[in-house]
């Protein structure tokens, strides 16, 4: 007779997966705004740290799409998604730090989300799944 294997569940992973998806949608919106309405931002192309709004628009679109896929992987309990989620959260936080002058409130909000995501993905024990 075999004993059933217990699966560890973590509310943090569920929270992190949802937050990664939400942050991904935020980045998609940010990318579309940068591509379609660059006059929406508080500064011009010359005033952001480097690159222009078109380049940042594509960066945010690609990053947002990948974050949504990774968020779904986190909710599905994939370990690769947890690792990728940490990497993407750090990259998004650094990107929004550079983009801070263009849209400060949005960038600070996304940076805060990224910090919470890093904690939520690293705190649960290895092998646990989203609840």
N, C-alpha and C. Protein backbone atom coordinates (compact mmCIF):
# COMPACT_ATOMS: atom_id res chain seq x y z
N UNK A 1 0.85 -1.18 0.00
CA UNK A 1 0.00 0.00 0.00
C UNK A 1 0.90 1.24 0.00
N UNK A 2 0.57 2.17 -0.85
CA UNK A 2 1.34 3.41 -0.90
C UNK A 2 0.58 4.51 -0.18
N UNK A 3 1.33 5.39 0.40
CA UNK A 3 0.70 6.51 1.09
C UNK A 3 0.56 7.68 0.12
N UNK A 4 -0.55 8.39 0.22
CA UNK A 4 -0.73 9.53 -0.68
C UNK A 4 0.29 10.63 -0.35
N UNK A 5 0.75 11.27 -1.37
CA UNK A 5 1.74 12.32 -1.21
C UNK A 5 1.04 13.65 -0.91
N UNK A 6 1.49 14.30 0.13
CA UNK A 6 0.92 15.59 0.51
C UNK A 6 1.53 16.69 -0.36
N UNK A 7 0.69 17.55 -0.88
CA UNK A 7 1.16 18.69 -1.65
C UNK A 7 1.07 19.93 -0.78
N UNK A 8 2.19 20.61 -0.67
CA UNK A 8 2.19 21.86 0.09
C UNK A 8 1.55 22.95 -0.76
N UNK A 9 0.66 23.69 -0.16
CA UNK A 9 0.06 24.83 -0.86
C UNK A 9 0.45 26.10 -0.15
N UNK A 10 0.50 27.17 -0.90
CA UNK A 10 0.90 28.45 -0.35
C UNK A 10 0.03 29.57 -0.92
N UNK A 11 -0.57 30.31 -0.04
CA UNK A 11 -1.33 31.48 -0.46
C UNK A 11 -0.43 32.55 -1.06
N UNK A 12 0.83 32.57 -0.63
CA UNK A 12 1.78 33.53 -1.19
C UNK A 12 1.98 33.30 -2.68
N UNK A 13 2.04 32.05 -3.08
CA UNK A 13 2.23 31.76 -4.50
C UNK A 13 1.01 32.15 -5.32
N UNK A 14 -0.17 31.95 -4.77
CA UNK A 14 -1.37 32.39 -5.46
C UNK A 14 -1.37 33.91 -5.59
N UNK A 15 -1.04 34.58 -4.50
CA UNK A 15 -0.96 36.04 -4.51
C UNK A 15 0.09 36.51 -5.51
N UNK A 16 1.26 35.86 -5.51
CA UNK A 16 2.33 36.26 -6.42
C UNK A 16 1.92 36.04 -7.87
N UNK A 17 1.28 34.92 -8.18
CA UNK A 17 0.85 34.65 -9.54
C UNK A 17 -0.13 35.69 -10.04
N UNK A 18 -1.09 36.04 -9.21
CA UNK A 18 -2.07 37.05 -9.60
C UNK A 18 -1.39 38.41 -9.75
N UNK A 19 -0.48 38.74 -8.82
CA UNK A 19 0.21 40.02 -8.89
C UNK A 19 1.14 40.12 -10.09
N UNK A 20 1.77 39.03 -10.48
CA UNK A 20 2.60 39.03 -11.69
C UNK A 20 1.73 39.26 -12.92
N UNK A 21 0.57 38.65 -12.96
CA UNK A 21 -0.34 38.87 -14.09
C UNK A 21 -0.82 40.32 -14.12
N UNK A 22 -1.19 40.86 -12.97
CA UNK A 22 -1.64 42.26 -12.91
C UNK A 22 -0.52 43.20 -13.34
N UNK A 23 0.69 42.96 -12.84
CA UNK A 23 1.84 43.78 -13.23
C UNK A 23 2.12 43.65 -14.72
N UNK A 24 1.94 42.46 -15.26
CA UNK A 24 2.10 42.27 -16.70
C UNK A 24 1.10 43.10 -17.49
N UNK A 25 -0.15 43.12 -17.04
CA UNK A 25 -1.14 43.96 -17.71
C UNK A 25 -0.80 45.44 -17.58
N UNK A 26 -0.32 45.85 -16.41
CA UNK A 26 0.13 47.24 -16.23
C UNK A 26 1.23 47.58 -17.23
N UNK A 27 2.18 46.66 -17.39
CA UNK A 27 3.28 46.91 -18.33
C UNK A 27 2.79 46.92 -19.77
N UNK A 28 1.82 46.07 -20.10
CA UNK A 28 1.22 46.11 -21.44
C UNK A 28 0.58 47.47 -21.70
N UNK A 29 -0.18 47.96 -20.73
CA UNK A 29 -0.82 49.28 -20.87
C UNK A 29 0.24 50.36 -21.02
N UNK A 30 1.27 50.29 -20.19
CA UNK A 30 2.35 51.26 -20.26
C UNK A 30 3.03 51.24 -21.63
N UNK A 31 3.23 50.05 -22.17
CA UNK A 31 3.83 49.93 -23.50
C UNK A 31 2.95 50.51 -24.58
N UNK A 32 1.66 50.24 -24.51
CA UNK A 32 0.74 50.80 -25.51
C UNK A 32 0.69 52.32 -25.43
N UNK A 33 0.69 52.86 -24.23
CA UNK A 33 0.69 54.31 -24.07
C UNK A 33 1.97 54.91 -24.63
N UNK A 34 3.11 54.27 -24.36
CA UNK A 34 4.38 54.78 -24.87
C UNK A 34 4.42 54.74 -26.39
N UNK A 35 3.80 53.74 -26.99
CA UNK A 35 3.80 53.64 -28.45
C UNK A 35 2.76 54.55 -29.11
N UNK A 36 1.59 54.65 -28.51
CA UNK A 36 0.49 55.33 -29.17
C UNK A 36 0.27 56.78 -28.72
N UNK A 37 0.62 57.10 -27.48
CA UNK A 37 0.39 58.46 -26.96
C UNK A 37 1.54 58.90 -26.09
N UNK A 38 2.69 59.10 -26.68
CA UNK A 38 3.86 59.47 -25.88
C UNK A 38 3.71 60.86 -25.26
N UNK A 39 2.79 61.70 -25.74
CA UNK A 39 2.56 63.01 -25.13
C UNK A 39 1.83 62.89 -23.79
N UNK A 40 1.39 61.69 -23.43
CA UNK A 40 0.69 61.45 -22.17
C UNK A 40 1.64 61.57 -20.97
N UNK A 41 2.91 61.30 -21.20
CA UNK A 41 3.88 61.31 -20.11
C UNK A 41 4.25 62.72 -19.71
N UNK A 42 4.81 62.85 -18.53
CA UNK A 42 5.13 64.14 -17.96
C UNK A 42 6.37 64.79 -18.57
N UNK A 43 7.17 64.03 -19.27
CA UNK A 43 8.41 64.55 -19.85
C UNK A 43 8.49 64.15 -21.32
N UNK A 44 9.48 64.67 -22.01
CA UNK A 44 9.70 64.32 -23.41
C UNK A 44 10.71 63.18 -23.49
N UNK A 45 10.96 62.73 -24.72
CA UNK A 45 11.94 61.66 -24.95
C UNK A 45 13.31 62.01 -24.38
N UNK A 46 13.67 63.27 -24.47
CA UNK A 46 15.01 63.70 -24.02
C UNK A 46 15.16 63.65 -22.50
N UNK A 47 14.06 63.65 -21.78
CA UNK A 47 14.13 63.74 -20.33
C UNK A 47 14.17 62.40 -19.59
N UNK A 48 13.90 61.30 -20.29
CA UNK A 48 14.04 60.01 -19.60
C UNK A 48 15.52 59.61 -19.64
N UNK A 49 15.89 58.72 -18.77
CA UNK A 49 17.30 58.42 -18.54
C UNK A 49 18.01 57.95 -19.81
N UNK A 50 17.45 57.00 -20.52
CA UNK A 50 18.00 56.59 -21.81
C UNK A 50 16.92 55.93 -22.64
N UNK A 51 17.17 55.81 -23.92
CA UNK A 51 16.24 55.29 -24.92
C UNK A 51 15.09 56.29 -25.15
N UNK A 52 14.20 55.96 -26.05
CA UNK A 52 13.06 56.83 -26.32
C UNK A 52 11.77 56.08 -26.01
N UNK A 53 10.64 56.78 -26.14
CA UNK A 53 9.37 56.17 -25.77
C UNK A 53 8.99 54.99 -26.66
N UNK A 54 9.37 55.02 -27.92
CA UNK A 54 9.06 53.90 -28.80
C UNK A 54 9.78 52.63 -28.33
N UNK A 55 11.05 52.77 -28.00
CA UNK A 55 11.82 51.62 -27.50
C UNK A 55 11.25 51.12 -26.18
N UNK A 56 10.95 52.06 -25.27
CA UNK A 56 10.37 51.65 -23.99
C UNK A 56 9.00 51.01 -24.19
N UNK A 57 8.25 51.50 -25.16
CA UNK A 57 6.95 50.89 -25.44
C UNK A 57 7.08 49.42 -25.81
N UNK A 58 8.03 49.11 -26.68
CA UNK A 58 8.24 47.71 -27.06
C UNK A 58 8.78 46.88 -25.90
N UNK A 59 9.65 47.48 -25.10
CA UNK A 59 10.18 46.77 -23.92
C UNK A 59 9.04 46.40 -22.98
N UNK A 60 8.17 47.38 -22.68
CA UNK A 60 7.06 47.12 -21.75
C UNK A 60 6.06 46.14 -22.33
N UNK A 61 5.81 46.21 -23.63
CA UNK A 61 4.89 45.24 -24.24
C UNK A 61 5.42 43.81 -24.14
N UNK A 62 6.66 43.62 -24.48
CA UNK A 62 7.26 42.27 -24.44
C UNK A 62 7.34 41.78 -23.00
N UNK A 63 7.82 42.63 -22.10
CA UNK A 63 7.93 42.25 -20.69
C UNK A 63 6.55 41.92 -20.11
N UNK A 64 5.55 42.72 -20.43
CA UNK A 64 4.20 42.48 -19.92
C UNK A 64 3.63 41.16 -20.41
N UNK A 65 3.83 40.86 -21.70
CA UNK A 65 3.32 39.59 -22.24
C UNK A 65 4.01 38.40 -21.58
N UNK A 66 5.32 38.49 -21.39
CA UNK A 66 6.06 37.40 -20.74
C UNK A 66 5.62 37.27 -19.28
N UNK A 67 5.38 38.40 -18.60
CA UNK A 67 4.93 38.33 -17.22
C UNK A 67 3.58 37.65 -17.09
N UNK A 68 2.69 37.88 -18.02
CA UNK A 68 1.38 37.24 -17.97
C UNK A 68 1.53 35.72 -18.13
N UNK A 69 2.38 35.29 -19.03
CA UNK A 69 2.63 33.86 -19.21
C UNK A 69 3.27 33.25 -17.97
N UNK A 70 4.24 33.94 -17.39
CA UNK A 70 4.91 33.46 -16.18
C UNK A 70 3.93 33.42 -15.01
N UNK A 71 3.07 34.43 -14.90
CA UNK A 71 2.06 34.43 -13.84
C UNK A 71 1.15 33.22 -13.92
N UNK A 72 0.77 32.85 -15.14
CA UNK A 72 -0.05 31.64 -15.31
C UNK A 72 0.75 30.40 -14.90
N UNK A 73 2.05 30.39 -15.20
CA UNK A 73 2.90 29.27 -14.78
C UNK A 73 3.04 29.19 -13.27
N UNK A 74 3.10 30.33 -12.62
CA UNK A 74 3.17 30.35 -11.14
C UNK A 74 1.90 29.75 -10.56
N UNK A 75 0.76 30.16 -11.10
CA UNK A 75 -0.51 29.63 -10.60
C UNK A 75 -0.64 28.14 -10.88
N UNK A 76 0.01 27.66 -11.94
CA UNK A 76 -0.02 26.23 -12.26
C UNK A 76 0.99 25.43 -11.43
N UNK A 77 1.83 26.11 -10.65
CA UNK A 77 2.77 25.42 -9.77
C UNK A 77 4.09 25.05 -10.41
N UNK A 78 4.48 25.71 -11.44
CA UNK A 78 5.74 25.41 -12.13
C UNK A 78 6.91 26.11 -11.46
N UNK A 79 7.96 25.36 -11.17
CA UNK A 79 9.14 25.92 -10.51
C UNK A 79 9.88 26.89 -11.43
N UNK A 80 9.93 26.60 -12.73
CA UNK A 80 10.60 27.51 -13.66
C UNK A 80 9.91 28.87 -13.65
N UNK A 81 8.59 28.88 -13.45
CA UNK A 81 7.86 30.13 -13.43
C UNK A 81 8.19 30.96 -12.19
N UNK A 82 8.42 30.28 -11.07
CA UNK A 82 8.83 31.01 -9.86
C UNK A 82 10.17 31.69 -10.08
N UNK A 83 11.12 30.97 -10.65
CA UNK A 83 12.44 31.55 -10.91
C UNK A 83 12.35 32.68 -11.93
N UNK A 84 11.60 32.45 -13.00
CA UNK A 84 11.44 33.49 -14.02
C UNK A 84 10.69 34.69 -13.45
N UNK A 85 9.75 34.45 -12.56
CA UNK A 85 9.01 35.55 -11.94
C UNK A 85 9.90 36.47 -11.13
N UNK A 86 10.85 35.89 -10.41
CA UNK A 86 11.79 36.70 -9.64
C UNK A 86 12.65 37.53 -10.58
N UNK A 87 13.18 36.91 -11.63
CA UNK A 87 14.03 37.62 -12.58
C UNK A 87 13.25 38.74 -13.26
N UNK A 88 12.03 38.45 -13.71
CA UNK A 88 11.22 39.46 -14.39
C UNK A 88 10.81 40.59 -13.45
N UNK A 89 10.54 40.27 -12.19
CA UNK A 89 10.19 41.32 -11.23
C UNK A 89 11.36 42.26 -11.00
N UNK A 90 12.56 41.71 -10.90
CA UNK A 90 13.75 42.56 -10.73
C UNK A 90 13.98 43.42 -11.98
N UNK A 91 13.85 42.81 -13.15
CA UNK A 91 14.01 43.58 -14.39
C UNK A 91 12.96 44.68 -14.52
N UNK A 92 11.72 44.36 -14.20
CA UNK A 92 10.65 45.36 -14.28
C UNK A 92 10.88 46.49 -13.28
N UNK A 93 11.34 46.15 -12.08
CA UNK A 93 11.62 47.19 -11.08
C UNK A 93 12.76 48.10 -11.55
N UNK A 94 13.81 47.52 -12.10
CA UNK A 94 14.91 48.34 -12.62
C UNK A 94 14.45 49.20 -13.80
N UNK A 95 13.64 48.62 -14.68
CA UNK A 95 13.12 49.39 -15.81
C UNK A 95 12.25 50.55 -15.37
N UNK A 96 11.41 50.31 -14.38
CA UNK A 96 10.55 51.40 -13.89
C UNK A 96 11.34 52.43 -13.09
N UNK A 97 12.45 52.02 -12.53
CA UNK A 97 13.33 52.99 -11.88
C UNK A 97 13.91 53.95 -12.91
N UNK A 98 14.29 53.42 -14.07
CA UNK A 98 14.79 54.27 -15.15
C UNK A 98 13.65 55.12 -15.71
N UNK A 99 12.45 54.58 -15.77
CA UNK A 99 11.28 55.24 -16.35
C UNK A 99 10.57 56.14 -15.35
N UNK A 100 11.10 56.25 -14.14
CA UNK A 100 10.44 56.95 -13.04
C UNK A 100 10.09 58.39 -13.36
N UNK A 101 10.95 59.08 -14.04
CA UNK A 101 10.71 60.48 -14.32
C UNK A 101 9.56 60.68 -15.31
N UNK A 102 9.34 59.74 -16.18
CA UNK A 102 8.29 59.87 -17.18
C UNK A 102 6.90 59.71 -16.57
N UNK A 103 6.76 58.80 -15.64
CA UNK A 103 5.45 58.54 -15.04
C UNK A 103 5.65 58.07 -13.61
N UNK A 104 5.87 59.00 -12.68
CA UNK A 104 6.33 58.63 -11.34
C UNK A 104 5.36 57.77 -10.52
N UNK A 105 4.10 58.10 -10.49
CA UNK A 105 3.16 57.35 -9.64
C UNK A 105 3.03 55.91 -10.13
N UNK A 106 2.86 55.73 -11.41
CA UNK A 106 2.74 54.40 -12.01
C UNK A 106 4.00 53.58 -11.74
N UNK A 107 5.16 54.21 -11.93
CA UNK A 107 6.43 53.50 -11.75
C UNK A 107 6.63 53.09 -10.30
N UNK A 108 6.32 53.96 -9.36
CA UNK A 108 6.47 53.62 -7.94
C UNK A 108 5.53 52.48 -7.58
N UNK A 109 4.31 52.50 -8.11
CA UNK A 109 3.35 51.43 -7.83
C UNK A 109 3.86 50.09 -8.36
N UNK A 110 4.38 50.08 -9.58
CA UNK A 110 4.87 48.83 -10.16
C UNK A 110 6.13 48.35 -9.43
N UNK A 111 7.01 49.26 -9.03
CA UNK A 111 8.20 48.87 -8.26
C UNK A 111 7.78 48.22 -6.95
N UNK A 112 6.78 48.78 -6.28
CA UNK A 112 6.28 48.18 -5.03
C UNK A 112 5.71 46.79 -5.29
N UNK A 113 4.95 46.64 -6.37
CA UNK A 113 4.44 45.32 -6.73
C UNK A 113 5.57 44.33 -6.96
N UNK A 114 6.61 44.77 -7.63
CA UNK A 114 7.75 43.89 -7.93
C UNK A 114 8.45 43.43 -6.66
N UNK A 115 8.61 44.31 -5.71
CA UNK A 115 9.25 43.94 -4.44
C UNK A 115 8.40 42.89 -3.72
N UNK A 116 7.09 43.09 -3.71
CA UNK A 116 6.20 42.13 -3.06
C UNK A 116 6.24 40.78 -3.79
N UNK A 117 6.30 40.83 -5.11
CA UNK A 117 6.36 39.59 -5.90
C UNK A 117 7.63 38.80 -5.58
N UNK A 118 8.76 39.48 -5.48
CA UNK A 118 10.02 38.79 -5.16
C UNK A 118 9.88 38.08 -3.81
N UNK A 119 9.34 38.77 -2.81
CA UNK A 119 9.16 38.13 -1.51
C UNK A 119 8.19 36.95 -1.60
N UNK A 120 7.06 37.17 -2.27
CA UNK A 120 6.03 36.13 -2.33
C UNK A 120 6.51 34.89 -3.09
N UNK A 121 7.44 35.05 -4.01
CA UNK A 121 7.95 33.90 -4.76
C UNK A 121 9.09 33.19 -4.04
N UNK A 122 9.80 33.90 -3.18
CA UNK A 122 10.94 33.28 -2.50
C UNK A 122 10.61 32.78 -1.10
N UNK A 123 9.53 33.24 -0.49
CA UNK A 123 9.20 32.85 0.89
C UNK A 123 8.65 31.43 1.02
N UNK A 124 7.77 30.96 0.12
CA UNK A 124 7.23 29.60 0.30
C UNK A 124 8.30 28.53 0.12
N UNK A 125 8.12 27.38 0.78
CA UNK A 125 9.11 26.30 0.65
C UNK A 125 9.13 25.71 -0.75
N UNK A 126 10.25 25.13 -1.09
CA UNK A 126 10.43 24.49 -2.42
C UNK A 126 9.41 23.37 -2.54
N UNK A 127 8.83 23.26 -3.70
CA UNK A 127 7.87 22.20 -3.95
C UNK A 127 6.44 22.58 -3.63
N UNK A 128 6.21 23.74 -3.04
CA UNK A 128 4.83 24.12 -2.74
C UNK A 128 4.18 24.67 -4.00
N UNK A 129 2.87 24.61 -4.02
CA UNK A 129 2.09 25.06 -5.17
C UNK A 129 1.14 26.16 -4.73
N UNK A 130 0.61 26.87 -5.72
CA UNK A 130 -0.38 27.90 -5.43
C UNK A 130 -1.64 27.23 -4.87
N UNK A 131 -2.26 27.90 -3.93
CA UNK A 131 -3.46 27.35 -3.28
C UNK A 131 -4.65 27.39 -4.19
